[in-house]
């Protein structure tokens, strides 16, 4: 099955799939910002990010989710989402593991950080299962990091 999982750089024609995924009801509930995103807001966000560490996750050549890293000083900030068809099947775990494997080839001594709502137990457990460690908690949010 692992050879049927892949991440690839996001392409401009992925804009609609990612928009729909970002506005998915469960994605909005799990996000730090719960408000629906307009397509105009999404276009600005997408165009600002699409040429960076921004990947589409594919399962059997079908769009299953996205994973994005925002480069900060000495770390990356993680953002990801899965299509509802693939949730609850450990695909987010596999998607993040693929990204980490790719990053290990390019970077040394850098952190990937994630901010998760305390109520988002699924994401919290997923990240901890791939060795993200909690380092801070504030206002209903948990801050985790993983060292490459």
N, C-alpha and C. Protein backbone atom coordinates (compact mmCIF):
# COMPACT_ATOMS: atom_id res chain seq x y z
N UNK A 1 0.82 -1.20 0.00
CA UNK A 1 0.00 0.00 0.00
C UNK A 1 0.86 1.25 0.00
N UNK A 2 2.03 1.19 0.69
CA UNK A 2 2.86 2.39 0.82
C UNK A 2 3.27 2.97 -0.53
N UNK A 3 3.50 2.13 -1.54
CA UNK A 3 3.88 2.65 -2.85
C UNK A 3 2.70 3.31 -3.57
N UNK A 4 1.50 3.19 -3.00
CA UNK A 4 0.34 3.87 -3.58
C UNK A 4 0.06 5.20 -2.88
N UNK A 5 0.95 5.58 -1.96
CA UNK A 5 0.86 6.85 -1.26
C UNK A 5 1.96 7.75 -1.77
N UNK A 6 1.63 9.01 -1.99
CA UNK A 6 2.61 9.91 -2.57
C UNK A 6 2.30 11.35 -2.17
N UNK A 7 3.34 12.16 -2.04
CA UNK A 7 3.13 13.60 -1.96
C UNK A 7 3.84 14.20 -3.17
N UNK A 8 3.20 15.22 -3.73
CA UNK A 8 3.81 15.93 -4.85
C UNK A 8 3.58 17.42 -4.64
N UNK A 9 4.41 18.22 -5.25
CA UNK A 9 4.25 19.67 -5.15
C UNK A 9 2.86 20.06 -5.64
N UNK A 10 2.25 21.00 -4.94
CA UNK A 10 0.95 21.52 -5.36
C UNK A 10 1.10 22.25 -6.69
N UNK A 11 0.11 22.08 -7.53
CA UNK A 11 0.06 22.78 -8.82
C UNK A 11 -1.08 23.78 -8.79
N UNK A 12 -1.02 24.75 -9.65
CA UNK A 12 -2.04 25.79 -9.67
C UNK A 12 -3.44 25.22 -9.87
N UNK A 13 -3.55 24.13 -10.62
CA UNK A 13 -4.89 23.56 -10.86
C UNK A 13 -5.43 22.76 -9.66
N UNK A 14 -4.67 22.71 -8.56
CA UNK A 14 -5.14 22.09 -7.32
C UNK A 14 -5.92 23.08 -6.46
N UNK A 15 -6.02 24.31 -6.91
CA UNK A 15 -6.60 25.38 -6.09
C UNK A 15 -8.02 25.06 -5.61
N UNK A 16 -8.86 24.51 -6.46
CA UNK A 16 -10.26 24.25 -6.10
C UNK A 16 -10.37 23.09 -5.10
N UNK A 17 -9.61 22.02 -5.31
CA UNK A 17 -9.64 20.89 -4.37
C UNK A 17 -9.23 21.37 -2.98
N UNK A 18 -8.16 22.14 -2.90
CA UNK A 18 -7.67 22.60 -1.60
C UNK A 18 -8.65 23.59 -0.98
N UNK A 19 -9.25 24.44 -1.80
CA UNK A 19 -10.28 25.36 -1.29
C UNK A 19 -11.43 24.58 -0.65
N UNK A 20 -11.93 23.59 -1.36
CA UNK A 20 -13.04 22.79 -0.82
C UNK A 20 -12.63 22.06 0.46
N UNK A 21 -11.42 21.57 0.50
CA UNK A 21 -10.93 20.87 1.68
C UNK A 21 -10.78 21.83 2.86
N UNK A 22 -10.26 23.02 2.61
CA UNK A 22 -10.10 24.01 3.68
C UNK A 22 -11.45 24.44 4.24
N UNK A 23 -12.50 24.42 3.43
CA UNK A 23 -13.83 24.84 3.88
C UNK A 23 -14.71 23.67 4.32
N UNK A 24 -14.17 22.47 4.28
CA UNK A 24 -14.90 21.31 4.77
C UNK A 24 -15.30 21.55 6.23
N UNK A 25 -16.49 21.13 6.58
CA UNK A 25 -17.03 21.39 7.93
C UNK A 25 -16.08 20.91 9.03
N UNK A 26 -15.61 19.66 8.93
CA UNK A 26 -14.72 19.12 9.97
C UNK A 26 -13.37 19.84 9.99
N UNK A 27 -12.87 20.21 8.81
CA UNK A 27 -11.61 20.96 8.74
C UNK A 27 -11.76 22.29 9.47
N UNK A 28 -12.86 22.99 9.23
CA UNK A 28 -13.08 24.28 9.89
C UNK A 28 -13.19 24.10 11.40
N UNK A 29 -13.88 23.06 11.85
CA UNK A 29 -14.00 22.82 13.30
C UNK A 29 -12.64 22.55 13.94
N UNK A 30 -11.76 21.87 13.22
CA UNK A 30 -10.44 21.52 13.75
C UNK A 30 -9.43 22.65 13.63
N UNK A 31 -9.71 23.60 12.76
CA UNK A 31 -8.76 24.70 12.51
C UNK A 31 -8.75 25.70 13.64
N UNK A 32 -7.65 26.40 13.78
CA UNK A 32 -7.55 27.44 14.79
C UNK A 32 -8.53 28.57 14.50
N UNK A 33 -8.75 28.84 13.21
CA UNK A 33 -9.74 29.84 12.79
C UNK A 33 -10.90 29.07 12.17
N UNK A 34 -12.07 29.13 12.81
CA UNK A 34 -13.24 28.35 12.37
C UNK A 34 -14.04 28.98 11.25
N UNK A 35 -13.75 30.22 10.89
CA UNK A 35 -14.57 30.93 9.91
C UNK A 35 -14.37 30.36 8.50
N UNK A 36 -15.49 30.32 7.76
CA UNK A 36 -15.42 29.92 6.35
C UNK A 36 -14.49 30.87 5.60
N UNK A 37 -13.87 30.35 4.57
CA UNK A 37 -12.92 31.12 3.77
C UNK A 37 -13.57 31.44 2.43
N UNK A 38 -13.51 32.68 2.01
CA UNK A 38 -14.03 33.02 0.69
C UNK A 38 -13.03 32.54 -0.36
N UNK A 39 -13.51 32.36 -1.58
CA UNK A 39 -12.59 31.92 -2.63
C UNK A 39 -11.52 32.97 -2.88
N UNK A 40 -11.86 34.24 -2.78
CA UNK A 40 -10.88 35.31 -2.95
C UNK A 40 -9.78 35.22 -1.89
N UNK A 41 -10.17 35.02 -0.63
CA UNK A 41 -9.19 34.86 0.45
C UNK A 41 -8.31 33.64 0.19
N UNK A 42 -8.94 32.57 -0.27
CA UNK A 42 -8.20 31.34 -0.56
C UNK A 42 -7.20 31.56 -1.70
N UNK A 43 -7.61 32.25 -2.74
CA UNK A 43 -6.70 32.51 -3.87
C UNK A 43 -5.46 33.25 -3.39
N UNK A 44 -5.64 34.25 -2.57
CA UNK A 44 -4.50 35.03 -2.05
C UNK A 44 -3.58 34.11 -1.24
N UNK A 45 -4.16 33.34 -0.33
CA UNK A 45 -3.38 32.40 0.50
C UNK A 45 -2.67 31.37 -0.38
N UNK A 46 -3.40 30.81 -1.33
CA UNK A 46 -2.85 29.76 -2.19
C UNK A 46 -1.69 30.29 -3.02
N UNK A 47 -1.87 31.43 -3.66
CA UNK A 47 -0.82 31.98 -4.52
C UNK A 47 0.41 32.41 -3.71
N UNK A 48 0.20 32.81 -2.48
CA UNK A 48 1.31 33.19 -1.61
C UNK A 48 2.11 31.95 -1.18
N UNK A 49 1.46 30.79 -1.16
CA UNK A 49 2.08 29.58 -0.62
C UNK A 49 2.40 28.49 -1.62
N UNK A 50 1.80 28.52 -2.79
CA UNK A 50 1.85 27.34 -3.66
C UNK A 50 3.24 26.98 -4.17
N UNK A 51 4.17 27.90 -4.16
CA UNK A 51 5.50 27.60 -4.66
C UNK A 51 6.49 27.34 -3.53
N UNK A 52 6.00 27.06 -2.33
CA UNK A 52 6.89 26.80 -1.20
C UNK A 52 6.83 25.31 -0.83
N UNK A 53 6.87 25.00 0.44
CA UNK A 53 6.79 23.61 0.91
C UNK A 53 5.31 23.26 1.04
N UNK A 54 4.69 23.05 -0.10
CA UNK A 54 3.24 22.86 -0.18
C UNK A 54 2.99 21.66 -1.08
N UNK A 55 2.40 20.60 -0.50
CA UNK A 55 2.28 19.33 -1.20
C UNK A 55 0.85 18.82 -1.19
N UNK A 56 0.51 18.13 -2.25
CA UNK A 56 -0.76 17.41 -2.33
C UNK A 56 -0.47 15.97 -1.95
N UNK A 57 -1.33 15.38 -1.16
CA UNK A 57 -1.19 13.99 -0.76
C UNK A 57 -2.13 13.16 -1.62
N UNK A 58 -1.59 12.10 -2.21
CA UNK A 58 -2.36 11.24 -3.12
C UNK A 58 -2.40 9.81 -2.59
N UNK A 59 -3.57 9.22 -2.68
CA UNK A 59 -3.76 7.81 -2.34
C UNK A 59 -4.30 7.15 -3.59
N UNK A 60 -3.55 6.19 -4.11
CA UNK A 60 -3.92 5.52 -5.37
C UNK A 60 -4.22 6.55 -6.46
N UNK A 61 -3.37 7.54 -6.55
CA UNK A 61 -3.43 8.62 -7.55
C UNK A 61 -4.63 9.54 -7.40
N UNK A 62 -5.34 9.47 -6.28
CA UNK A 62 -6.48 10.36 -6.04
C UNK A 62 -6.11 11.39 -4.96
N UNK A 63 -6.57 12.62 -5.16
CA UNK A 63 -6.33 13.67 -4.19
C UNK A 63 -6.94 13.27 -2.85
N UNK A 64 -6.10 13.27 -1.81
CA UNK A 64 -6.57 12.85 -0.49
C UNK A 64 -6.39 13.94 0.56
N UNK A 65 -5.50 14.89 0.32
CA UNK A 65 -5.27 15.94 1.31
C UNK A 65 -4.13 16.84 0.87
N UNK A 66 -3.78 17.76 1.76
CA UNK A 66 -2.62 18.62 1.50
C UNK A 66 -1.82 18.76 2.78
N UNK A 67 -0.58 19.12 2.60
CA UNK A 67 0.32 19.39 3.73
C UNK A 67 1.20 20.56 3.34
N UNK A 68 1.31 21.52 4.25
CA UNK A 68 2.04 22.75 3.93
C UNK A 68 2.91 23.12 5.12
N UNK A 69 4.10 23.58 4.80
CA UNK A 69 5.00 24.09 5.82
C UNK A 69 5.31 25.55 5.53
N UNK A 70 5.23 26.35 6.55
CA UNK A 70 5.62 27.76 6.44
C UNK A 70 6.96 27.91 7.12
N UNK A 71 7.96 28.34 6.37
CA UNK A 71 9.32 28.47 6.89
C UNK A 71 9.40 29.71 7.76
N UNK A 72 9.86 29.49 8.98
CA UNK A 72 10.14 30.59 9.92
C UNK A 72 11.66 30.62 10.09
N UNK A 73 12.16 31.26 11.12
CA UNK A 73 13.61 31.37 11.32
C UNK A 73 14.30 30.01 11.33
N UNK A 74 14.12 29.26 12.39
CA UNK A 74 14.79 27.96 12.50
C UNK A 74 13.79 26.81 12.61
N UNK A 75 12.60 27.03 12.07
CA UNK A 75 11.60 25.96 12.09
C UNK A 75 10.59 26.15 10.97
N UNK A 76 9.80 25.10 10.77
CA UNK A 76 8.67 25.12 9.85
C UNK A 76 7.40 25.02 10.68
N UNK A 77 6.35 25.71 10.27
CA UNK A 77 5.05 25.59 10.91
C UNK A 77 4.17 24.71 10.03
N UNK A 78 3.63 23.66 10.61
CA UNK A 78 2.87 22.64 9.88
C UNK A 78 1.39 22.99 9.77
N UNK A 79 0.84 22.73 8.59
CA UNK A 79 -0.58 22.88 8.32
C UNK A 79 -0.97 21.72 7.40
N UNK A 80 -2.02 21.00 7.75
CA UNK A 80 -2.44 19.89 6.89
C UNK A 80 -3.93 19.61 7.04
N UNK A 81 -4.48 18.94 6.03
CA UNK A 81 -5.88 18.53 6.09
C UNK A 81 -6.07 17.32 5.17
N UNK A 82 -7.00 16.48 5.56
CA UNK A 82 -7.35 15.30 4.77
C UNK A 82 -8.81 15.38 4.34
N UNK A 83 -9.08 14.88 3.16
CA UNK A 83 -10.46 14.75 2.67
C UNK A 83 -11.19 13.79 3.61
N UNK A 84 -12.47 14.04 3.85
CA UNK A 84 -13.22 13.23 4.83
C UNK A 84 -13.22 11.73 4.51
N UNK A 85 -13.11 11.36 3.26
CA UNK A 85 -13.07 9.94 2.88
C UNK A 85 -11.85 9.22 3.46
N UNK A 86 -10.76 9.96 3.74
CA UNK A 86 -9.51 9.36 4.19
C UNK A 86 -9.26 9.53 5.69
N UNK A 87 -10.16 10.20 6.38
CA UNK A 87 -9.97 10.43 7.82
C UNK A 87 -10.22 9.15 8.61
N UNK A 88 -9.52 9.05 9.75
CA UNK A 88 -9.72 7.91 10.63
C UNK A 88 -9.05 6.64 10.16
N UNK A 89 -8.19 6.75 9.14
CA UNK A 89 -7.53 5.56 8.58
C UNK A 89 -6.01 5.67 8.64
N UNK A 90 -5.53 6.59 9.47
CA UNK A 90 -4.09 6.83 9.69
C UNK A 90 -3.38 7.42 8.48
N UNK A 91 -4.11 7.98 7.55
CA UNK A 91 -3.48 8.58 6.38
C UNK A 91 -2.74 9.88 6.73
N UNK A 92 -3.24 10.64 7.69
CA UNK A 92 -2.52 11.87 8.05
C UNK A 92 -1.15 11.50 8.63
N UNK A 93 -1.10 10.44 9.39
CA UNK A 93 0.17 9.93 9.92
C UNK A 93 1.13 9.62 8.77
N UNK A 94 0.63 8.92 7.77
CA UNK A 94 1.46 8.52 6.63
C UNK A 94 1.87 9.73 5.79
N UNK A 95 0.96 10.69 5.63
CA UNK A 95 1.26 11.90 4.87
C UNK A 95 2.38 12.69 5.53
N UNK A 96 2.30 12.87 6.84
CA UNK A 96 3.33 13.62 7.55
C UNK A 96 4.65 12.86 7.53
N UNK A 97 4.60 11.55 7.67
CA UNK A 97 5.83 10.74 7.61
C UNK A 97 6.52 10.88 6.25
N UNK A 98 5.73 10.92 5.16
CA UNK A 98 6.32 11.13 3.83
C UNK A 98 7.01 12.50 3.75
N UNK A 99 6.39 13.50 4.30
CA UNK A 99 6.98 14.84 4.28
C UNK A 99 8.26 14.88 5.11
N UNK A 100 8.24 14.29 6.29
CA UNK A 100 9.42 14.26 7.14
C UNK A 100 10.57 13.56 6.42
N UNK A 101 10.28 12.48 5.76
CA UNK A 101 11.30 11.74 5.01
C UNK A 101 11.93 12.64 3.94
N UNK A 102 11.10 13.39 3.26
CA UNK A 102 11.59 14.32 2.23
C UNK A 102 12.45 15.42 2.84
N UNK A 103 12.01 15.96 3.96
CA UNK A 103 12.74 17.06 4.61
C UNK A 103 14.09 16.61 5.16
N UNK A 104 14.15 15.38 5.66
CA UNK A 104 15.40 14.87 6.22
C UNK A 104 16.52 14.83 5.17
N UNK A 105 16.15 14.76 3.90
CA UNK A 105 17.14 14.76 2.83
C UNK A 105 17.68 16.16 2.57
N UNK A 106 16.95 17.18 2.99
CA UNK A 106 17.33 18.57 2.69
C UNK A 106 17.83 19.35 3.89
N UNK A 107 17.39 18.97 5.11
CA UNK A 107 17.68 19.79 6.28
C UNK A 107 18.22 18.96 7.43
N UNK A 108 18.98 19.64 8.27
CA UNK A 108 19.48 19.06 9.52
C UNK A 108 19.23 20.08 10.63
N UNK A 109 18.96 19.58 11.82
CA UNK A 109 18.77 20.43 13.00
C UNK A 109 17.75 21.54 12.79
N UNK A 110 16.60 21.16 12.34
CA UNK A 110 15.50 22.12 12.19
C UNK A 110 14.25 21.47 12.78
N UNK A 111 13.35 22.29 13.27
CA UNK A 111 12.12 21.80 13.87
C UNK A 111 10.93 21.98 12.95
N UNK A 112 9.98 21.06 13.07
CA UNK A 112 8.64 21.25 12.52
C UNK A 112 7.76 21.47 13.74
N UNK A 113 7.02 22.56 13.73
CA UNK A 113 6.14 22.86 14.85
C UNK A 113 4.69 22.81 14.38
N UNK A 114 3.82 22.48 15.32
CA UNK A 114 2.38 22.42 15.03
C UNK A 114 1.62 23.02 16.21
N UNK A 115 0.54 23.69 15.89
CA UNK A 115 -0.36 24.22 16.91
C UNK A 115 -1.70 23.53 16.72
N UNK A 116 -2.18 22.89 17.77
CA UNK A 116 -3.39 22.09 17.69
C UNK A 116 -4.35 22.52 18.79
N UNK A 117 -5.63 22.60 18.44
CA UNK A 117 -6.64 22.85 19.47
C UNK A 117 -6.63 21.69 20.46
N UNK A 118 -6.75 22.01 21.73
CA UNK A 118 -6.77 20.98 22.76
C UNK A 118 -7.89 19.97 22.51
N UNK A 119 -9.01 20.44 21.93
CA UNK A 119 -10.16 19.57 21.65
C UNK A 119 -9.92 18.65 20.45
N UNK A 120 -8.90 18.95 19.65
CA UNK A 120 -8.64 18.17 18.44
C UNK A 120 -7.77 16.95 18.80
N UNK A 121 -8.38 16.03 19.52
CA UNK A 121 -7.68 14.86 20.05
C UNK A 121 -7.06 14.02 18.93
N UNK A 122 -7.77 13.87 17.83
CA UNK A 122 -7.27 13.04 16.72
C UNK A 122 -5.94 13.57 16.19
N UNK A 123 -5.87 14.87 15.90
CA UNK A 123 -4.61 15.44 15.40
C UNK A 123 -3.51 15.38 16.46
N UNK A 124 -3.88 15.64 17.68
CA UNK A 124 -2.91 15.60 18.77
C UNK A 124 -2.28 14.21 18.89
N UNK A 125 -3.12 13.19 18.90
CA UNK A 125 -2.61 11.81 19.00
C UNK A 125 -1.80 11.43 17.76
N UNK A 126 -2.27 11.87 16.60
CA UNK A 126 -1.55 11.58 15.37
C UNK A 126 -0.13 12.15 15.42
N UNK A 127 -0.02 13.41 15.77
CA UNK A 127 1.30 14.05 15.81
C UNK A 127 2.19 13.41 16.88
N UNK A 128 1.63 13.10 18.03
CA UNK A 128 2.43 12.47 19.08
C UNK A 128 2.88 11.06 18.67
N UNK A 129 2.08 10.39 17.86
CA UNK A 129 2.46 9.04 17.42
C UNK A 129 3.65 9.05 16.46
N UNK A 130 3.94 10.20 15.86
CA UNK A 130 5.12 10.31 15.00
C UNK A 130 6.19 11.19 15.65
N UNK A 131 6.18 11.16 16.98
CA UNK A 131 7.23 11.77 17.81
C UNK A 131 7.24 13.30 17.85
N UNK A 132 6.12 13.92 17.59
CA UNK A 132 5.99 15.34 17.91
C UNK A 132 5.82 15.40 19.42
N UNK A 133 6.52 16.33 20.04
CA UNK A 133 6.48 16.46 21.50
C UNK A 133 5.84 17.78 21.90
N UNK A 134 4.95 17.69 22.89
CA UNK A 134 4.31 18.89 23.42
C UNK A 134 5.37 19.71 24.15
N UNK A 135 5.39 21.02 23.87
CA UNK A 135 6.33 21.88 24.58
C UNK A 135 5.66 23.09 25.21
N UNK A 136 4.37 23.28 24.95
CA UNK A 136 3.70 24.46 25.50
C UNK A 136 2.20 24.29 25.33
N UNK A 137 1.45 24.92 26.22
CA UNK A 137 -0.01 24.90 26.14
C UNK A 137 -0.52 26.26 26.58
N UNK A 138 -1.46 26.81 25.81
CA UNK A 138 -1.98 28.14 26.12
C UNK A 138 -3.33 28.34 25.46
N UNK A 139 -4.28 28.86 26.19
CA UNK A 139 -5.60 29.25 25.66
C UNK A 139 -6.26 28.18 24.78
N UNK A 140 -6.28 26.96 25.27
CA UNK A 140 -6.94 25.90 24.52
C UNK A 140 -6.16 25.38 23.33
N UNK A 141 -4.89 25.77 23.23
CA UNK A 141 -4.03 25.31 22.13
C UNK A 141 -2.83 24.57 22.70
N UNK A 142 -2.41 23.56 21.97
CA UNK A 142 -1.22 22.80 22.35
C UNK A 142 -0.18 22.99 21.27
N UNK A 143 1.04 23.28 21.68
CA UNK A 143 2.16 23.52 20.77
C UNK A 143 3.06 22.29 20.82
N UNK A 144 3.34 21.74 19.63
CA UNK A 144 4.17 20.55 19.53
C UNK A 144 5.33 20.81 18.58
N UNK A 145 6.39 20.00 18.71
CA UNK A 145 7.50 20.13 17.77
C UNK A 145 8.16 18.79 17.54
N UNK A 146 8.79 18.72 16.38
CA UNK A 146 9.50 17.52 15.94
C UNK A 146 10.85 17.98 15.41
N UNK A 147 11.92 17.37 15.88
CA UNK A 147 13.24 17.77 15.39
C UNK A 147 13.73 16.84 14.30
N UNK A 148 14.17 17.48 13.21
CA UNK A 148 14.77 16.73 12.09
C UNK A 148 16.26 16.66 12.34
